[in-house]
């Protein structure tokens, strides 16, 4: 989650010292860059990068809704609850 937090805030991990703030991204753009953008960069956009019929079901389930309003520092507390690769659960966090 550090990369996502940094893209949105350009601040250090305490929320201080933001630099190049004109380069921040809104959350939706940052998520799109990490998903569809990464698939595109890997020449895999035809079968990865979005939750779309016919594409591989590769995704993560997070501990909170990142789009809920609140302090951006909360992004750093977000944990992966499950990882799904090609439709199969390959990781599930301990309760």
N, C-alpha and C. Protein backbone atom coordinates (compact mmCIF):
# COMPACT_ATOMS: atom_id res chain seq x y z
N UNK A 1 0.81 -1.20 0.00
CA UNK A 1 0.00 0.00 0.00
C UNK A 1 0.86 1.27 0.00
N UNK A 2 2.15 1.11 0.27
CA UNK A 2 3.02 2.28 0.32
C UNK A 2 3.03 3.01 -1.03
N UNK A 3 3.14 2.27 -2.11
CA UNK A 3 3.17 2.92 -3.43
C UNK A 3 1.90 3.71 -3.69
N UNK A 4 0.75 3.16 -3.29
CA UNK A 4 -0.53 3.84 -3.51
C UNK A 4 -0.62 5.11 -2.65
N UNK A 5 -0.26 4.99 -1.40
CA UNK A 5 -0.23 6.14 -0.50
C UNK A 5 0.68 7.24 -1.05
N UNK A 6 1.86 6.85 -1.49
CA UNK A 6 2.82 7.81 -2.00
C UNK A 6 2.31 8.50 -3.26
N UNK A 7 1.68 7.76 -4.14
CA UNK A 7 1.13 8.35 -5.37
C UNK A 7 0.06 9.39 -5.05
N UNK A 8 -0.72 9.13 -4.01
CA UNK A 8 -1.83 10.02 -3.65
C UNK A 8 -1.37 11.22 -2.85
N UNK A 9 -0.34 11.05 -2.02
CA UNK A 9 0.06 12.13 -1.11
C UNK A 9 1.41 12.77 -1.42
N UNK A 10 2.34 12.00 -1.96
CA UNK A 10 3.74 12.44 -2.16
C UNK A 10 4.39 12.80 -0.83
N UNK A 11 3.87 12.27 0.27
CA UNK A 11 4.37 12.56 1.60
C UNK A 11 5.14 11.35 2.15
N UNK A 12 5.86 11.58 3.25
CA UNK A 12 6.53 10.45 3.89
C UNK A 12 5.51 9.61 4.64
N UNK A 13 5.96 8.54 5.25
CA UNK A 13 5.04 7.59 5.88
C UNK A 13 4.39 8.09 7.16
N UNK A 14 4.73 9.32 7.57
CA UNK A 14 4.05 9.93 8.72
C UNK A 14 3.06 10.99 8.26
N UNK A 15 2.98 11.21 6.96
CA UNK A 15 2.09 12.24 6.43
C UNK A 15 2.75 13.59 6.30
N UNK A 16 4.03 13.66 6.60
CA UNK A 16 4.78 14.93 6.56
C UNK A 16 5.68 14.98 5.33
N UNK A 17 6.25 16.15 5.11
CA UNK A 17 7.30 16.31 4.11
C UNK A 17 6.88 16.07 2.68
N UNK A 18 5.65 16.37 2.32
CA UNK A 18 5.22 16.16 0.94
C UNK A 18 6.09 16.98 -0.01
N UNK A 19 6.47 16.36 -1.11
CA UNK A 19 7.28 17.06 -2.10
C UNK A 19 6.71 16.77 -3.48
N UNK A 20 6.95 17.68 -4.40
CA UNK A 20 6.41 17.57 -5.75
C UNK A 20 4.91 17.27 -5.73
N UNK A 21 4.20 18.01 -4.91
CA UNK A 21 2.76 17.75 -4.74
C UNK A 21 1.98 17.94 -6.03
N UNK A 22 2.54 18.65 -7.00
CA UNK A 22 1.86 18.79 -8.28
C UNK A 22 1.84 17.47 -9.05
N UNK A 23 2.58 16.48 -8.56
CA UNK A 23 2.63 15.17 -9.19
C UNK A 23 1.73 14.14 -8.51
N UNK A 24 0.93 14.55 -7.53
CA UNK A 24 0.03 13.60 -6.89
C UNK A 24 -1.01 13.11 -7.89
N UNK A 25 -1.53 11.93 -7.63
CA UNK A 25 -2.61 11.36 -8.43
C UNK A 25 -3.83 11.21 -7.56
N UNK A 26 -5.01 11.32 -8.15
CA UNK A 26 -6.19 10.96 -7.38
C UNK A 26 -6.20 9.44 -7.25
N UNK A 27 -6.93 8.95 -6.26
CA UNK A 27 -6.91 7.52 -5.94
C UNK A 27 -7.32 6.66 -7.12
N UNK A 28 -8.37 7.03 -7.83
CA UNK A 28 -8.84 6.23 -8.97
C UNK A 28 -7.76 6.11 -10.04
N UNK A 29 -7.06 7.19 -10.31
CA UNK A 29 -5.99 7.17 -11.31
C UNK A 29 -4.84 6.28 -10.85
N UNK A 30 -4.49 6.36 -9.57
CA UNK A 30 -3.41 5.54 -9.04
C UNK A 30 -3.76 4.05 -9.11
N UNK A 31 -4.98 3.70 -8.77
CA UNK A 31 -5.41 2.29 -8.84
C UNK A 31 -5.40 1.83 -10.30
N UNK A 32 -5.89 2.65 -11.19
CA UNK A 32 -5.92 2.31 -12.62
C UNK A 32 -4.48 2.11 -13.15
N UNK A 33 -3.56 2.96 -12.72
CA UNK A 33 -2.17 2.82 -13.15
C UNK A 33 -1.58 1.49 -12.68
N UNK A 34 -1.93 1.08 -11.47
CA UNK A 34 -1.40 -0.15 -10.90
C UNK A 34 -2.03 -1.40 -11.50
N UNK A 35 -3.21 -1.27 -12.05
CA UNK A 35 -3.92 -2.44 -12.57
C UNK A 35 -3.88 -2.45 -14.09
N UNK A 36 -4.71 -1.66 -14.72
CA UNK A 36 -4.76 -1.62 -16.18
C UNK A 36 -3.43 -1.11 -16.76
N UNK A 37 -2.82 -0.14 -16.09
CA UNK A 37 -1.55 0.39 -16.57
C UNK A 37 -0.44 -0.65 -16.54
N UNK A 38 -0.39 -1.43 -15.47
CA UNK A 38 0.62 -2.48 -15.38
C UNK A 38 0.39 -3.56 -16.42
N UNK A 39 -0.86 -3.93 -16.65
CA UNK A 39 -1.16 -4.92 -17.67
C UNK A 39 -0.71 -4.41 -19.04
N UNK A 40 -1.01 -3.16 -19.32
CA UNK A 40 -0.61 -2.56 -20.60
C UNK A 40 0.91 -2.56 -20.76
N UNK A 41 1.61 -2.17 -19.70
CA UNK A 41 3.08 -2.11 -19.75
C UNK A 41 3.69 -3.49 -19.98
N UNK A 42 2.97 -4.54 -19.61
CA UNK A 42 3.44 -5.91 -19.79
C UNK A 42 2.83 -6.59 -21.01
N UNK A 43 2.21 -5.78 -21.88
CA UNK A 43 1.57 -6.29 -23.10
C UNK A 43 0.55 -7.38 -22.79
N UNK A 44 -0.16 -7.24 -21.66
CA UNK A 44 -1.11 -8.25 -21.22
C UNK A 44 -2.51 -7.68 -21.06
N UNK A 45 -2.77 -6.51 -21.63
CA UNK A 45 -4.07 -5.86 -21.43
C UNK A 45 -5.24 -6.64 -22.04
N UNK A 46 -4.96 -7.56 -22.95
CA UNK A 46 -6.05 -8.34 -23.55
C UNK A 46 -6.65 -9.34 -22.55
N UNK A 47 -5.85 -9.77 -21.58
CA UNK A 47 -6.38 -10.77 -20.64
C UNK A 47 -6.16 -10.44 -19.18
N UNK A 48 -5.64 -9.24 -18.87
CA UNK A 48 -5.41 -8.84 -17.48
C UNK A 48 -5.64 -7.35 -17.33
N UNK A 49 -5.69 -6.90 -16.06
CA UNK A 49 -5.71 -5.47 -15.79
C UNK A 49 -7.06 -4.89 -15.41
N UNK A 50 -8.12 -5.65 -15.61
CA UNK A 50 -9.45 -5.19 -15.21
C UNK A 50 -10.32 -6.41 -14.93
N UNK A 51 -11.36 -6.20 -14.14
CA UNK A 51 -12.30 -7.29 -13.86
C UNK A 51 -13.35 -7.23 -14.97
N UNK A 52 -13.11 -8.03 -16.00
CA UNK A 52 -13.90 -8.02 -17.21
C UNK A 52 -14.13 -9.46 -17.65
N UNK A 53 -15.35 -9.80 -18.11
CA UNK A 53 -15.57 -11.17 -18.60
C UNK A 53 -14.54 -11.54 -19.67
N UNK A 54 -14.00 -12.74 -19.51
CA UNK A 54 -13.01 -13.24 -20.46
C UNK A 54 -11.57 -13.00 -20.04
N UNK A 55 -11.36 -12.14 -19.05
CA UNK A 55 -10.01 -11.89 -18.57
C UNK A 55 -9.73 -12.76 -17.35
N UNK A 56 -8.45 -12.97 -17.08
CA UNK A 56 -8.05 -13.75 -15.90
C UNK A 56 -8.57 -13.05 -14.64
N UNK A 57 -9.08 -13.83 -13.73
CA UNK A 57 -9.60 -13.27 -12.48
C UNK A 57 -8.45 -13.20 -11.48
N UNK A 58 -7.58 -12.20 -11.66
CA UNK A 58 -6.47 -11.96 -10.75
C UNK A 58 -6.79 -10.70 -9.97
N UNK A 59 -6.98 -10.84 -8.66
CA UNK A 59 -7.33 -9.67 -7.86
C UNK A 59 -7.01 -9.89 -6.40
N UNK A 60 -7.05 -8.79 -5.65
CA UNK A 60 -6.87 -8.87 -4.21
C UNK A 60 -8.11 -8.33 -3.53
N UNK A 61 -8.37 -8.85 -2.35
CA UNK A 61 -9.45 -8.36 -1.50
C UNK A 61 -8.76 -7.62 -0.36
N UNK A 62 -9.16 -6.37 -0.16
CA UNK A 62 -8.52 -5.54 0.86
C UNK A 62 -9.34 -5.47 2.13
N UNK A 63 -8.70 -5.09 3.21
CA UNK A 63 -9.36 -5.02 4.52
C UNK A 63 -10.29 -3.82 4.67
N UNK A 64 -10.24 -2.88 3.74
CA UNK A 64 -11.11 -1.72 3.81
C UNK A 64 -11.33 -1.18 2.40
N UNK A 65 -12.36 -0.39 2.27
CA UNK A 65 -12.67 0.28 1.01
C UNK A 65 -11.78 1.50 0.89
N UNK A 66 -10.84 1.47 -0.02
CA UNK A 66 -9.91 2.58 -0.18
C UNK A 66 -10.60 3.88 -0.58
N UNK A 67 -11.78 3.77 -1.17
CA UNK A 67 -12.48 4.95 -1.65
C UNK A 67 -13.39 5.60 -0.61
N UNK A 68 -13.43 5.03 0.59
CA UNK A 68 -14.15 5.68 1.68
C UNK A 68 -13.39 6.94 2.07
N UNK A 69 -14.08 8.05 2.23
CA UNK A 69 -13.37 9.27 2.62
C UNK A 69 -12.67 9.09 3.96
N UNK A 70 -11.56 9.76 4.10
CA UNK A 70 -10.83 9.69 5.36
C UNK A 70 -9.39 10.11 5.19
N UNK A 71 -8.63 9.92 6.21
CA UNK A 71 -7.23 10.28 6.23
C UNK A 71 -6.44 9.36 5.29
N UNK A 72 -5.67 9.91 4.35
CA UNK A 72 -4.88 9.08 3.46
C UNK A 72 -3.92 8.14 4.19
N UNK A 73 -3.52 8.48 5.43
CA UNK A 73 -2.65 7.58 6.19
C UNK A 73 -3.31 6.22 6.41
N UNK A 74 -4.64 6.17 6.37
CA UNK A 74 -5.34 4.89 6.55
C UNK A 74 -5.00 3.90 5.44
N UNK A 75 -4.58 4.41 4.29
CA UNK A 75 -4.17 3.51 3.21
C UNK A 75 -3.05 2.60 3.70
N UNK A 76 -2.16 3.14 4.51
CA UNK A 76 -1.02 2.37 5.00
C UNK A 76 -1.43 1.25 5.95
N UNK A 77 -2.60 1.37 6.56
CA UNK A 77 -3.10 0.33 7.47
C UNK A 77 -3.92 -0.73 6.75
N UNK A 78 -4.14 -0.55 5.47
CA UNK A 78 -4.94 -1.49 4.69
C UNK A 78 -4.14 -2.76 4.45
N UNK A 79 -4.77 -3.88 4.64
CA UNK A 79 -4.10 -5.17 4.47
C UNK A 79 -4.80 -6.00 3.39
N UNK A 80 -4.03 -6.88 2.78
CA UNK A 80 -4.59 -7.83 1.83
C UNK A 80 -5.23 -8.96 2.62
N UNK A 81 -6.51 -9.18 2.39
CA UNK A 81 -7.25 -10.23 3.07
C UNK A 81 -7.20 -11.52 2.26
N UNK A 82 -7.21 -11.40 0.94
CA UNK A 82 -7.15 -12.58 0.07
C UNK A 82 -6.57 -12.18 -1.27
N UNK A 83 -5.90 -13.14 -1.90
CA UNK A 83 -5.38 -12.96 -3.25
C UNK A 83 -5.96 -14.07 -4.11
N UNK A 84 -6.47 -13.69 -5.26
CA UNK A 84 -7.08 -14.62 -6.20
C UNK A 84 -6.30 -14.54 -7.50
N UNK A 85 -5.84 -15.69 -7.99
CA UNK A 85 -5.10 -15.76 -9.25
C UNK A 85 -5.83 -16.72 -10.17
N UNK A 86 -6.21 -16.22 -11.33
CA UNK A 86 -6.94 -16.99 -12.33
C UNK A 86 -8.18 -17.66 -11.71
N UNK A 87 -8.82 -16.93 -10.82
CA UNK A 87 -10.06 -17.41 -10.21
C UNK A 87 -9.89 -18.32 -9.00
N UNK A 88 -8.66 -18.64 -8.63
CA UNK A 88 -8.40 -19.51 -7.49
C UNK A 88 -7.83 -18.71 -6.34
N UNK A 89 -8.34 -18.92 -5.12
CA UNK A 89 -7.79 -18.25 -3.95
C UNK A 89 -6.44 -18.87 -3.64
N UNK A 90 -5.39 -18.06 -3.68
CA UNK A 90 -4.04 -18.55 -3.41
C UNK A 90 -3.48 -18.04 -2.09
N UNK A 91 -4.18 -17.06 -1.51
CA UNK A 91 -3.77 -16.55 -0.21
C UNK A 91 -5.00 -16.08 0.53
N UNK A 92 -5.07 -16.42 1.80
CA UNK A 92 -6.13 -15.94 2.68
C UNK A 92 -5.48 -15.58 4.01
N UNK A 93 -5.68 -14.34 4.47
CA UNK A 93 -5.08 -13.89 5.72
C UNK A 93 -5.67 -14.66 6.90
N UNK A 94 -4.86 -14.81 7.90
CA UNK A 94 -5.34 -15.41 9.16
C UNK A 94 -6.30 -14.44 9.80
N UNK A 95 -7.40 -14.95 10.39
CA UNK A 95 -8.37 -14.04 11.05
C UNK A 95 -7.79 -13.35 12.26
